[in-house]
């Protein structure tokens, strides 16, 4: 395998693993990672983030780190969620390529060298795993297919499995994006809107859970849809909120004014021809038009205020620079 990295990267591969109550699986997982990456001659680091576990996960991490120089650990004071764990882990990585995987042994470390090669040799910014054959019940697989279909449609990113925890990133991606709330499943969407558009997919093995129980319920799909709406809006209109609110406000105001003018014009025309005409204010359509005008003004003002907030924001002129050439 050809190795093309910058000397600024002390290791070739950083592996970020968030976990919650996975004490039983950690020894087997870390041994498996060590065996695979040693066989492929890759230098690596493993960053384990204990997201407020209530079992012996942290004690196990301490024992493993004392025996293996590749292991590093971060422990949260309480459970903050997978997005927080990934965001903190990303900041600590030092590798040319960063991979994420779950700690429950359902993600196979055998996939890591292939993911690494797709980033370094094929030039992908991000590669997402696709668990084509899953060992999950229908109550989980059917909502997952629906969730992935909606996300593909809205984001325009043709991935089969957005929620797969096994992903690989060029280090520039993880250092450029911020993951918060429950946005971890939408990192490809966040990366795309940050300008990292070469996004690939790799079919990966899905293992049956060997220890413990799943930490996810069906409510994640409801939250996931709301998060998708949020990240789509923020990505497209964060720097130009007036384009969103102003456009909707202007359309609403225009529709309301046109309806009002039509009702008034109809009243005048009927009166000029000595025909009976209802009062404008006696027609329900007038009040709908009035609501449209008021809502339009409110939306326009919301866009104006959002623009003022954006102009005074500390990061209003922060832009991601991919490369520089002949600059001091």
C-alpha atoms as a PDB file:
ATOM      1  CA  UNK A   1       0.000   0.000   0.000  1.00  0.00           C
ATOM      2  CA  UNK A   2       1.449   3.339  -1.036  1.00  0.00           C
ATOM      3  CA  UNK A   3       1.695   5.824   1.804  1.00  0.00           C
ATOM      4  CA  UNK A   4       1.279   9.465   0.954  1.00  0.00           C
ATOM      5  CA  UNK A   5       0.984  11.619   4.036  1.00  0.00           C
ATOM      6  CA  UNK A   6       2.207  14.921   5.295  1.00  0.00           C
ATOM      7  CA  UNK A   7       5.041  14.831   7.846  1.00  0.00           C
ATOM      8  CA  UNK A   8       2.808  16.972  10.032  1.00  0.00           C
ATOM      9  CA  UNK A   9       0.714  13.911  10.892  1.00  0.00           C
ATOM     10  CA  UNK A  10       2.324  11.779  13.627  1.00  0.00           C
ATOM     11  CA  UNK A  11       0.062   8.810  12.851  1.00  0.00           C
ATOM     12  CA  UNK A  12      -1.638   7.578   9.716  1.00  0.00           C
ATOM     13  CA  UNK A  13      -5.011   6.640  11.188  1.00  0.00           C
ATOM     14  CA  UNK A  14      -7.000   7.985  14.142  1.00  0.00           C
ATOM     15  CA  UNK A  15      -9.970   5.918  15.307  1.00  0.00           C
ATOM     16  CA  UNK A  16     -12.629   7.680  17.375  1.00  0.00           C
ATOM     17  CA  UNK A  17     -14.932   5.366  19.331  1.00  0.00           C
ATOM     18  CA  UNK A  18     -17.781   6.822  21.428  1.00  0.00           C
ATOM     19  CA  UNK A  19     -19.198   4.397  23.949  1.00  0.00           C
ATOM     20  CA  UNK A  20     -21.815   4.011  26.643  1.00  0.00           C
ATOM     21  CA  UNK A  21     -21.745   0.986  28.954  1.00  0.00           C
ATOM     22  CA  UNK A  22     -19.625  -1.228  26.697  1.00  0.00           C
ATOM     23  CA  UNK A  23     -17.139  -2.585  29.271  1.00  0.00           C
ATOM     24  CA  UNK A  24     -17.485  -6.172  28.039  1.00  0.00           C
ATOM     25  CA  UNK A  25     -16.682  -5.445  24.395  1.00  0.00           C
ATOM     26  CA  UNK A  26     -13.737  -3.041  24.788  1.00  0.00           C
ATOM     27  CA  UNK A  27     -10.902  -5.581  25.348  1.00  0.00           C
ATOM     28  CA  UNK A  28     -11.918  -7.674  22.355  1.00  0.00           C
ATOM     29  CA  UNK A  29     -12.446  -4.600  20.176  1.00  0.00           C
ATOM     30  CA  UNK A  30      -9.073  -3.013  20.928  1.00  0.00           C
ATOM     31  CA  UNK A  31      -7.222  -6.302  20.405  1.00  0.00           C
ATOM     32  CA  UNK A  32      -8.998  -6.761  17.080  1.00  0.00           C
ATOM     33  CA  UNK A  33      -8.072  -3.225  15.946  1.00  0.00           C
ATOM     34  CA  UNK A  34      -4.445  -3.747  16.965  1.00  0.00           C
ATOM     35  CA  UNK A  35      -4.199  -7.055  15.089  1.00  0.00           C
ATOM     36  CA  UNK A  36      -5.691  -5.714  11.846  1.00  0.00           C
ATOM     37  CA  UNK A  37      -3.760  -2.444  11.681  1.00  0.00           C
ATOM     38  CA  UNK A  38      -0.469  -4.058  12.695  1.00  0.00           C
ATOM     39  CA  UNK A  39      -0.878  -6.605   9.892  1.00  0.00           C
ATOM     40  CA  UNK A  40      -1.334  -3.738   7.408  1.00  0.00           C
ATOM     41  CA  UNK A  41       1.590  -1.751   8.789  1.00  0.00           C
ATOM     42  CA  UNK A  42      -0.464   1.310   9.691  1.00  0.00           C
ATOM     43  CA  UNK A  43       0.483   3.607  12.548  1.00  0.00           C
ATOM     44  CA  UNK A  44      -2.611   4.502  14.508  1.00  0.00           C
ATOM     45  CA  UNK A  45      -4.222   5.853  17.645  1.00  0.00           C
ATOM     46  CA  UNK A  46      -7.510   4.857  19.254  1.00  0.00           C
ATOM     47  CA  UNK A  47      -9.485   7.518  21.120  1.00  0.00           C
ATOM     48  CA  UNK A  48     -12.172   6.040  23.385  1.00  0.00           C
ATOM     49  CA  UNK A  49     -14.804   8.509  24.608  1.00  0.00           C
ATOM     50  CA  UNK A  50     -16.769   7.317  27.613  1.00  0.00           C
ATOM     51  CA  UNK A  51     -20.093   9.139  27.309  1.00  0.00           C
ATOM     52  CA  UNK A  52     -21.114   8.919  30.973  1.00  0.00           C
ATOM     53  CA  UNK A  53     -21.093   5.138  31.363  1.00  0.00           C
ATOM     54  CA  UNK A  54     -22.523   3.698  34.565  1.00  0.00           C
ATOM     55  CA  UNK A  55     -20.727   0.343  34.293  1.00  0.00           C
ATOM     56  CA  UNK A  56     -16.982  -0.387  34.473  1.00  0.00           C
ATOM     57  CA  UNK A  57     -16.183   1.037  31.038  1.00  0.00           C
ATOM     58  CA  UNK A  58     -13.779   3.691  32.319  1.00  0.00           C
ATOM     59  CA  UNK A  59     -11.926   1.238  34.550  1.00  0.00           C
ATOM     60  CA  UNK A  60     -11.494  -1.041  31.550  1.00  0.00           C
ATOM     61  CA  UNK A  61     -10.222   1.877  29.451  1.00  0.00           C
ATOM     62  CA  UNK A  62      -7.666   2.750  32.147  1.00  0.00           C
ATOM     63  CA  UNK A  63      -6.408  -0.836  32.206  1.00  0.00           C
ATOM     64  CA  UNK A  64      -6.181  -1.065  28.443  1.00  0.00           C
ATOM     65  CA  UNK A  65      -4.431   2.306  28.089  1.00  0.00           C
ATOM     66  CA  UNK A  66      -1.832   1.265  30.666  1.00  0.00           C
ATOM     67  CA  UNK A  67      -0.930  -1.699  28.450  1.00  0.00           C
ATOM     68  CA  UNK A  68      -1.275  -0.157  24.975  1.00  0.00           C
ATOM     69  CA  UNK A  69       0.413   3.126  23.970  1.00  0.00           C
ATOM     70  CA  UNK A  70      -1.997   3.483  21.043  1.00  0.00           C
ATOM     71  CA  UNK A  71      -4.992   4.007  23.320  1.00  0.00           C
ATOM     72  CA  UNK A  72      -6.218   7.340  24.628  1.00  0.00           C
ATOM     73  CA  UNK A  73      -9.312   7.954  26.717  1.00  0.00           C
ATOM     74  CA  UNK A  74     -11.761  10.782  27.389  1.00  0.00           C
ATOM     75  CA  UNK A  75     -14.433  10.523  30.058  1.00  0.00           C
ATOM     76  CA  UNK A  76     -17.525  12.750  30.236  1.00  0.00           C
ATOM     77  CA  UNK A  77     -18.957  13.685  33.605  1.00  0.00           C
ATOM     78  CA  UNK A  78     -22.403  12.624  32.365  1.00  0.00           C
ATOM     79  CA  UNK A  79     -24.100  11.373  29.240  1.00  0.00           C
ATOM     80  CA  UNK A  80     -24.055  14.060  26.534  1.00  0.00           C
ATOM     81  CA  UNK A  81     -24.789  11.937  23.472  1.00  0.00           C
ATOM     82  CA  UNK A  82     -22.904  10.567  20.505  1.00  0.00           C
ATOM     83  CA  UNK A  83     -22.553  13.908  18.704  1.00  0.00           C
ATOM     84  CA  UNK A  84     -20.804  15.483  21.683  1.00  0.00           C
ATOM     85  CA  UNK A  85     -18.488  12.490  22.007  1.00  0.00           C
ATOM     86  CA  UNK A  86     -17.541  12.618  18.333  1.00  0.00           C
ATOM     87  CA  UNK A  87     -17.002  16.370  18.361  1.00  0.00           C
ATOM     88  CA  UNK A  88     -14.632  16.153  21.331  1.00  0.00           C
ATOM     89  CA  UNK A  89     -12.881  13.132  19.848  1.00  0.00           C
ATOM     90  CA  UNK A  90     -12.370  14.872  16.497  1.00  0.00           C
ATOM     91  CA  UNK A  91     -10.564  17.746  18.214  1.00  0.00           C
ATOM     92  CA  UNK A  92      -8.084  15.289  19.757  1.00  0.00           C
ATOM     93  CA  UNK A  93      -7.196  13.404  16.567  1.00  0.00           C
ATOM     94  CA  UNK A  94      -3.773  13.739  14.982  1.00  0.00           C
ATOM     95  CA  UNK A  95      -4.021  11.269  12.097  1.00  0.00           C
ATOM     96  CA  UNK A  96      -4.066  11.904   8.343  1.00  0.00           C
ATOM     97  CA  UNK A  97      -7.288   9.881   8.197  1.00  0.00           C
ATOM     98  CA  UNK A  98      -9.934   9.717  10.919  1.00  0.00           C
ATOM     99  CA  UNK A  99     -12.287   6.751  11.242  1.00  0.00           C
ATOM    100  CA  UNK A 100     -15.274   6.395  13.544  1.00  0.00           C
ATOM    101  CA  UNK A 101     -16.844   3.167  14.692  1.00  0.00           C
ATOM    102  CA  UNK A 102     -19.161   1.893  17.400  1.00  0.00           C
ATOM    103  CA  UNK A 103     -17.858   0.047  20.441  1.00  0.00           C
ATOM    104  CA  UNK A 104     -20.396  -2.794  20.423  1.00  0.00           C
ATOM    105  CA  UNK A 105     -18.435  -5.028  17.982  1.00  0.00           C
ATOM    106  CA  UNK A 106     -21.107  -4.637  15.308  1.00  0.00           C
ATOM    107  CA  UNK A 107     -18.587  -2.637  13.234  1.00  0.00           C
ATOM    108  CA  UNK A 108     -15.689  -4.761  11.991  1.00  0.00           C
ATOM    109  CA  UNK A 109     -12.123  -3.391  12.282  1.00  0.00           C
ATOM    110  CA  UNK A 110     -11.319  -5.466   9.181  1.00  0.00           C
ATOM    111  CA  UNK A 111     -12.879  -2.610   7.185  1.00  0.00           C
ATOM    112  CA  UNK A 112     -10.462   0.056   8.463  1.00  0.00           C
ATOM    113  CA  UNK A 113      -7.593  -0.497   5.966  1.00  0.00           C
ATOM    114  CA  UNK A 114     -10.009  -0.362   3.028  1.00  0.00           C
ATOM    115  CA  UNK A 115     -11.594   2.849   4.279  1.00  0.00           C
ATOM    116  CA  UNK A 116      -8.140   4.324   4.850  1.00  0.00           C
ATOM    117  CA  UNK A 117      -7.123   3.524   1.292  1.00  0.00           C
ATOM    118  CA  UNK A 118     -10.250   5.133  -0.184  1.00  0.00           C
ATOM    119  CA  UNK A 119      -9.315   8.404   1.524  1.00  0.00           C
ATOM    120  CA  UNK A 120      -5.569   8.390   0.819  1.00  0.00           C
ATOM    121  CA  UNK A 121      -5.475   6.676  -2.580  1.00  0.00           C
ATOM    122  CA  UNK A 122      -8.819   7.441  -4.192  1.00  0.00           C
ATOM    123  CA  UNK A 123      -9.082  11.004  -2.906  1.00  0.00           C
ATOM    124  CA  UNK A 124     -12.410  10.852  -1.114  1.00  0.00           C
ATOM    125  CA  UNK A 125     -13.138  13.489   1.515  1.00  0.00           C
ATOM    126  CA  UNK A 126     -15.502  11.160   3.337  1.00  0.00           C
ATOM    127  CA  UNK A 127     -16.454   7.501   3.006  1.00  0.00           C
ATOM    128  CA  UNK A 128     -19.534   6.108   4.723  1.00  0.00           C
ATOM    129  CA  UNK A 129     -20.074   2.452   5.491  1.00  0.00           C
ATOM    130  CA  UNK A 130     -23.120   0.678   4.109  1.00  0.00           C
ATOM    131  CA  UNK A 131     -24.397  -2.258   6.142  1.00  0.00           C
ATOM    132  CA  UNK A 132     -26.040  -3.903   3.169  1.00  0.00           C
ATOM    133  CA  UNK A 133     -26.768  -7.084   5.108  1.00  0.00           C
ATOM    134  CA  UNK A 134     -27.990  -6.255   8.599  1.00  0.00           C
ATOM    135  CA  UNK A 135     -28.658  -8.381  11.666  1.00  0.00           C
ATOM    136  CA  UNK A 136     -31.313  -6.074  13.096  1.00  0.00           C
ATOM    137  CA  UNK A 137     -35.053  -6.706  13.614  1.00  0.00           C
ATOM    138  CA  UNK A 138     -37.602  -5.358  11.133  1.00  0.00           C
ATOM    139  CA  UNK A 139     -38.690  -2.774  13.708  1.00  0.00           C
ATOM    140  CA  UNK A 140     -35.287  -1.173  13.174  1.00  0.00           C
ATOM    141  CA  UNK A 141     -34.481  -1.896   9.523  1.00  0.00           C
ATOM    142  CA  UNK A 142     -37.769  -0.628   8.014  1.00  0.00           C
ATOM    143  CA  UNK A 143     -37.663   2.811   9.741  1.00  0.00           C
ATOM    144  CA  UNK A 144     -33.954   2.997   8.827  1.00  0.00           C
ATOM    145  CA  UNK A 145     -34.719   2.532   5.120  1.00  0.00           C
ATOM    146  CA  UNK A 146     -37.394   5.236   5.291  1.00  0.00           C
ATOM    147  CA  UNK A 147     -35.055   7.559   7.160  1.00  0.00           C
ATOM    148  CA  UNK A 148     -32.256   7.054   4.636  1.00  0.00           C
ATOM    149  CA  UNK A 149     -34.613   7.586   1.703  1.00  0.00           C
ATOM    150  CA  UNK A 150     -35.857  10.918   3.039  1.00  0.00           C
ATOM    151  CA  UNK A 151     -32.314  12.055   3.818  1.00  0.00           C
ATOM    152  CA  UNK A 152     -31.129  11.182   0.294  1.00  0.00           C
ATOM    153  CA  UNK A 153     -34.016  13.121  -1.200  1.00  0.00           C
ATOM    154  CA  UNK A 154     -33.483  16.252   0.879  1.00  0.00           C
ATOM    155  CA  UNK A 155     -29.674  16.322   0.928  1.00  0.00           C
ATOM    156  CA  UNK A 156     -28.961  15.074  -2.584  1.00  0.00           C
ATOM    157  CA  UNK A 157     -26.262  12.752  -1.202  1.00  0.00           C
ATOM    158  CA  UNK A 158     -26.691   9.239  -2.574  1.00  0.00           C
ATOM    159  CA  UNK A 159     -25.759   7.157   0.464  1.00  0.00           C
ATOM    160  CA  UNK A 160     -27.647   4.050   1.524  1.00  0.00           C
ATOM    161  CA  UNK A 161     -26.822   4.199   5.235  1.00  0.00           C
ATOM    162  CA  UNK A 162     -26.347   7.667   6.735  1.00  0.00           C
ATOM    163  CA  UNK A 163     -26.544   6.323  10.269  1.00  0.00           C
ATOM    164  CA  UNK A 164     -23.739   3.786   9.920  1.00  0.00           C
ATOM    165  CA  UNK A 165     -21.201   4.464  12.658  1.00  0.00           C
ATOM    166  CA  UNK A 166     -18.327   3.177  10.518  1.00  0.00           C
ATOM    167  CA  UNK A 167     -17.030   6.120   8.496  1.00  0.00           C
ATOM    168  CA  UNK A 168     -13.689   7.511   7.328  1.00  0.00           C
ATOM    169  CA  UNK A 169     -12.757  11.160   6.901  1.00  0.00           C
ATOM    170  CA  UNK A 170      -9.921  13.197   5.547  1.00  0.00           C
ATOM    171  CA  UNK A 171      -8.595  14.988   8.633  1.00  0.00           C
ATOM    172  CA  UNK A 172      -9.529  18.350   7.078  1.00  0.00           C
ATOM    173  CA  UNK A 173     -13.185  17.369   7.275  1.00  0.00           C
ATOM    174  CA  UNK A 174     -13.279  16.627  11.008  1.00  0.00           C
ATOM    175  CA  UNK A 175     -11.240  19.734  11.787  1.00  0.00           C
ATOM    176  CA  UNK A 176     -13.609  21.922   9.769  1.00  0.00           C
ATOM    177  CA  UNK A 177     -17.061  20.787  10.877  1.00  0.00           C
ATOM    178  CA  UNK A 178     -18.807  21.026  14.228  1.00  0.00           C
ATOM    179  CA  UNK A 179     -21.110  18.247  15.400  1.00  0.00           C
ATOM    180  CA  UNK A 180     -23.720  19.071  18.030  1.00  0.00           C
ATOM    181  CA  UNK A 181     -27.127  17.983  19.290  1.00  0.00           C
ATOM    182  CA  UNK A 182     -27.943  14.762  17.430  1.00  0.00           C
ATOM    183  CA  UNK A 183     -26.234  15.749  14.196  1.00  0.00           C
ATOM    184  CA  UNK A 184     -23.757  12.850  14.080  1.00  0.00           C
ATOM    185  CA  UNK A 185     -25.885  10.945  11.560  1.00  0.00           C
ATOM    186  CA  UNK A 186     -25.746  13.986   9.256  1.00  0.00           C
ATOM    187  CA  UNK A 187     -22.003  14.545   9.151  1.00  0.00           C
ATOM    188  CA  UNK A 188     -22.019  13.790   5.377  1.00  0.00           C
ATOM    189  CA  UNK A 189     -24.618  16.557   4.937  1.00  0.00           C
ATOM    190  CA  UNK A 190     -22.619  18.983   7.093  1.00  0.00           C
ATOM    191  CA  UNK A 191     -19.430  18.098   5.192  1.00  0.00           C
ATOM    192  CA  UNK A 192     -21.112  18.634   1.839  1.00  0.00           C
ATOM    193  CA  UNK A 193     -22.305  22.107   2.770  1.00  0.00           C
ATOM    194  CA  UNK A 194     -18.794  22.887   4.056  1.00  0.00           C
ATOM    195  CA  UNK A 195     -17.462  22.176   0.554  1.00  0.00           C
ATOM    196  CA  UNK A 196     -16.273  18.574   0.961  1.00  0.00           C
ATOM    197  CA  UNK A 197     -18.230  17.076  -1.903  1.00  0.00           C
ATOM    198  CA  UNK A 198     -16.323  13.914  -2.796  1.00  0.00           C
ATOM    199  CA  UNK A 199     -18.336  11.540  -0.647  1.00  0.00           C
ATOM    200  CA  UNK A 200     -18.138   7.803  -1.200  1.00  0.00           C
ATOM    201  CA  UNK A 201     -19.627   4.620   0.156  1.00  0.00           C
ATOM    202  CA  UNK A 202     -18.261   1.192   1.011  1.00  0.00           C
ATOM    203  CA  UNK A 203     -20.211  -1.976   1.738  1.00  0.00           C
ATOM    204  CA  UNK A 204     -19.128  -3.151   5.188  1.00  0.00           C
ATOM    205  CA  UNK A 205     -19.772  -6.142   7.397  1.00  0.00           C
ATOM    206  CA  UNK A 206     -22.434  -5.911  10.068  1.00  0.00           C
ATOM    207  CA  UNK A 207     -21.863  -8.123  13.079  1.00  0.00           C
ATOM    208  CA  UNK A 208     -24.503  -9.343  15.477  1.00  0.00           C
ATOM    209  CA  UNK A 209     -24.323  -7.680  18.875  1.00  0.00           C
ATOM    210  CA  UNK A 210     -22.276  -9.881  21.182  1.00  0.00           C
ATOM    211  CA  UNK A 211     -22.560  -8.013  24.511  1.00  0.00           C
ATOM    212  CA  UNK A 212     -25.011  -5.627  26.132  1.00  0.00           C
ATOM    213  CA  UNK A 213     -28.108  -4.069  24.588  1.00  0.00           C
ATOM    214  CA  UNK A 214     -28.754  -1.408  21.961  1.00  0.00           C
ATOM    215  CA  UNK A 215     -28.801   2.199  23.167  1.00  0.00           C
ATOM    216  CA  UNK A 216     -31.156   3.468  20.468  1.00  0.00           C
ATOM    217  CA  UNK A 217     -34.948   3.506  20.283  1.00  0.00           C
ATOM    218  CA  UNK A 218     -37.471   4.434  17.602  1.00  0.00           C
ATOM    219  CA  UNK A 219     -37.589   8.031  18.900  1.00  0.00           C
ATOM    220  CA  UNK A 220     -34.241   8.644  17.185  1.00  0.00           C
ATOM    221  CA  UNK A 221     -36.020   8.632  13.810  1.00  0.00           C
ATOM    222  CA  UNK A 222     -38.388  11.415  14.922  1.00  0.00           C
ATOM    223  CA  UNK A 223     -35.491  13.435  16.305  1.00  0.00           C
ATOM    224  CA  UNK A 224     -33.483  12.587  13.214  1.00  0.00           C
ATOM    225  CA  UNK A 225     -36.072  14.116  10.873  1.00  0.00           C
ATOM    226  CA  UNK A 226     -36.186  17.315  12.931  1.00  0.00           C
ATOM    227  CA  UNK A 227     -32.382  17.445  12.958  1.00  0.00           C
ATOM    228  CA  UNK A 228     -32.354  17.053   9.177  1.00  0.00           C
ATOM    229  CA  UNK A 229     -34.663  20.057   8.803  1.00  0.00           C
ATOM    230  CA  UNK A 230     -32.452  22.036  11.144  1.00  0.00           C
ATOM    231  CA  UNK A 231     -29.139  21.212   9.481  1.00  0.00           C
ATOM    232  CA  UNK A 232     -30.593  21.804   6.002  1.00  0.00           C
ATOM    233  CA  UNK A 233     -31.804  25.268   6.993  1.00  0.00           C
ATOM    234  CA  UNK A 234     -28.625  26.198   8.858  1.00  0.00           C
ATOM    235  CA  UNK A 235     -26.373  24.956   6.062  1.00  0.00           C
ATOM    236  CA  UNK A 236     -28.173  26.865   3.337  1.00  0.00           C
ATOM    237  CA  UNK A 237     -29.202  30.073   5.071  1.00  0.00           C
ATOM    238  CA  UNK A 238     -26.904  30.591   8.050  1.00  0.00           C
ATOM    239  CA  UNK A 239     -25.048  33.441   6.315  1.00  0.00           C
ATOM    240  CA  UNK A 240     -28.060  34.809   4.440  1.00  0.00           C
ATOM    241  CA  UNK A 241     -31.204  34.383   6.553  1.00  0.00           C
ATOM    242  CA  UNK A 242     -32.953  37.232   4.731  1.00  0.00           C
ATOM    243  CA  UNK A 243     -33.000  35.110   1.587  1.00  0.00           C
ATOM    244  CA  UNK A 244     -35.198  32.594   3.379  1.00  0.00           C
ATOM    245  CA  UNK A 245     -37.395  34.742   5.602  1.00  0.00           C
ATOM    246  CA  UNK A 246     -37.471  37.660   3.154  1.00  0.00           C
ATOM    247  CA  UNK A 247     -38.568  35.479   0.250  1.00  0.00           C
ATOM    248  CA  UNK A 248     -41.366  33.812   2.214  1.00  0.00           C
ATOM    249  CA  UNK A 249     -42.401  37.142   3.729  1.00  0.00           C
ATOM    250  CA  UNK A 250     -42.481  38.910   0.381  1.00  0.00           C
ATOM    251  CA  UNK A 251     -44.546  36.124  -1.219  1.00  0.00           C
ATOM    252  CA  UNK A 252     -47.011  36.095   1.672  1.00  0.00           C
ATOM    253  CA  UNK A 253     -47.334  39.888   1.621  1.00  0.00           C
ATOM    254  CA  UNK A 254     -47.762  39.946  -2.156  1.00  0.00           C
ATOM    255  CA  UNK A 255     -50.466  37.263  -2.108  1.00  0.00           C
ATOM    256  CA  UNK A 256     -52.334  39.092   0.643  1.00  0.00           C
ATOM    257  CA  UNK A 257     -52.148  42.425  -1.170  1.00  0.00           C
ATOM    258  CA  UNK A 258     -53.271  40.911  -4.496  1.00  0.00           C
ATOM    259  CA  UNK A 259     -56.288  39.275  -2.868  1.00  0.00           C
ATOM    260  CA  UNK A 260     -57.176  42.542  -1.119  1.00  0.00           C
ATOM    261  CA  UNK A 261     -56.845  44.578  -4.337  1.00  0.00           C
ATOM    262  CA  UNK A 262     -58.941  42.016  -6.194  1.00  0.00           C
ATOM    263  CA  UNK A 263     -61.723  42.208  -3.581  1.00  0.00           C
ATOM    264  CA  UNK A 264     -61.665  46.010  -3.606  1.00  0.00           C
ATOM    265  CA  UNK A 265     -61.590  46.102  -7.421  1.00  0.00           C
ATOM    266  CA  UNK A 266     -64.513  43.678  -7.601  1.00  0.00           C
ATOM    267  CA  UNK A 267     -66.477  45.844  -5.163  1.00  0.00           C
ATOM    268  CA  UNK A 268     -65.832  49.011  -7.212  1.00  0.00           C
ATOM    269  CA  UNK A 269     -66.689  47.330 -10.511  1.00  0.00           C
ATOM    270  CA  UNK A 270     -69.964  45.913  -9.207  1.00  0.00           C
ATOM    271  CA  UNK A 271     -70.919  49.234  -7.618  1.00  0.00           C
ATOM    272  CA  UNK A 272     -70.158  51.133 -10.859  1.00  0.00           C
ATOM    273  CA  UNK A 273     -72.560  48.833 -12.706  1.00  0.00           C
ATOM    274  CA  UNK A 274     -75.304  49.189 -10.075  1.00  0.00           C
ATOM    275  CA  UNK A 275     -74.920  45.561  -9.078  1.00  0.00           C
ATOM    276  CA  UNK A 276     -75.175  44.256  -5.567  1.00  0.00           C
ATOM    277  CA  UNK A 277     -71.799  43.698  -3.917  1.00  0.00           C
ATOM    278  CA  UNK A 278     -70.949  42.447  -0.460  1.00  0.00           C
ATOM    279  CA  UNK A 279     -68.810  44.610   1.753  1.00  0.00           C
ATOM    280  CA  UNK A 280     -65.142  43.729   1.469  1.00  0.00           C
ATOM    281  CA  UNK A 281     -64.903  43.262   5.222  1.00  0.00           C
ATOM    282  CA  UNK A 282     -67.856  40.881   5.165  1.00  0.00           C
ATOM    283  CA  UNK A 283     -65.960  38.324   3.105  1.00  0.00           C
ATOM    284  CA  UNK A 284     -63.859  35.614   4.802  1.00  0.00           C
ATOM    285  CA  UNK A 285     -61.307  35.866   1.994  1.00  0.00           C
ATOM    286  CA  UNK A 286     -60.467  39.394   3.123  1.00  0.00           C
ATOM    287  CA  UNK A 287     -59.425  38.191   6.548  1.00  0.00           C
ATOM    288  CA  UNK A 288     -57.271  35.462   5.030  1.00  0.00           C
ATOM    289  CA  UNK A 289     -55.595  38.142   2.924  1.00  0.00           C
ATOM    290  CA  UNK A 290     -55.091  40.272   6.032  1.00  0.00           C
ATOM    291  CA  UNK A 291     -53.435  37.359   7.815  1.00  0.00           C
ATOM    292  CA  UNK A 292     -51.148  36.801   4.797  1.00  0.00           C
ATOM    293  CA  UNK A 293     -50.096  40.470   4.855  1.00  0.00           C
ATOM    294  CA  UNK A 294     -49.383  40.428   8.603  1.00  0.00           C
ATOM    295  CA  UNK A 295     -47.463  37.138   8.398  1.00  0.00           C
ATOM    296  CA  UNK A 296     -45.490  38.493   5.447  1.00  0.00           C
ATOM    297  CA  UNK A 297     -44.441  41.579   7.388  1.00  0.00           C
ATOM    298  CA  UNK A 298     -43.449  39.451  10.391  1.00  0.00           C
ATOM    299  CA  UNK A 299     -41.364  37.076   8.270  1.00  0.00           C
ATOM    300  CA  UNK A 300     -39.627  39.986   6.566  1.00  0.00           C
ATOM    301  CA  UNK A 301     -38.811  41.553   9.942  1.00  0.00           C
ATOM    302  CA  UNK A 302     -37.547  38.178  11.213  1.00  0.00           C
ATOM    303  CA  UNK A 303     -35.187  37.998   8.241  1.00  0.00           C
ATOM    304  CA  UNK A 304     -34.022  41.570   8.826  1.00  0.00           C
ATOM    305  CA  UNK A 305     -33.298  40.896  12.498  1.00  0.00           C
ATOM    306  CA  UNK A 306     -31.514  37.632  11.635  1.00  0.00           C
ATOM    307  CA  UNK A 307     -29.321  39.539   9.177  1.00  0.00           C
ATOM    308  CA  UNK A 308     -28.432  42.058  11.879  1.00  0.00           C
ATOM    309  CA  UNK A 309     -27.490  39.243  14.255  1.00  0.00           C
ATOM    310  CA  UNK A 310     -25.400  37.575  11.536  1.00  0.00           C
ATOM    311  CA  UNK A 311     -23.561  40.815  10.727  1.00  0.00           C
ATOM    312  CA  UNK A 312     -22.572  41.190  14.360  1.00  0.00           C
ATOM    313  CA  UNK A 313     -21.596  37.538  14.820  1.00  0.00           C
ATOM    314  CA  UNK A 314     -18.036  36.746  15.837  1.00  0.00           C
ATOM    315  CA  UNK A 315     -17.656  34.155  13.047  1.00  0.00           C
ATOM    316  CA  UNK A 316     -19.381  36.012  10.213  1.00  0.00           C
ATOM    317  CA  UNK A 317     -16.201  36.030   8.097  1.00  0.00           C
ATOM    318  CA  UNK A 318     -14.920  32.560   8.937  1.00  0.00           C
ATOM    319  CA  UNK A 319     -14.409  30.642   5.718  1.00  0.00           C
ATOM    320  CA  UNK A 320     -12.876  27.213   5.137  1.00  0.00           C
ATOM    321  CA  UNK A 321      -9.671  27.440   3.120  1.00  0.00           C
ATOM    322  CA  UNK A 322      -8.749  24.116   1.550  1.00  0.00           C
ATOM    323  CA  UNK A 323      -5.223  24.922   0.339  1.00  0.00           C
ATOM    324  CA  UNK A 324      -2.821  27.831  -0.019  1.00  0.00           C
ATOM    325  CA  UNK A 325      -0.096  28.333  -2.608  1.00  0.00           C
ATOM    326  CA  UNK A 326       2.923  30.657  -2.438  1.00  0.00           C
ATOM    327  CA  UNK A 327       1.498  32.666   0.434  1.00  0.00           C
ATOM    328  CA  UNK A 328       3.592  33.921   3.310  1.00  0.00           C
END
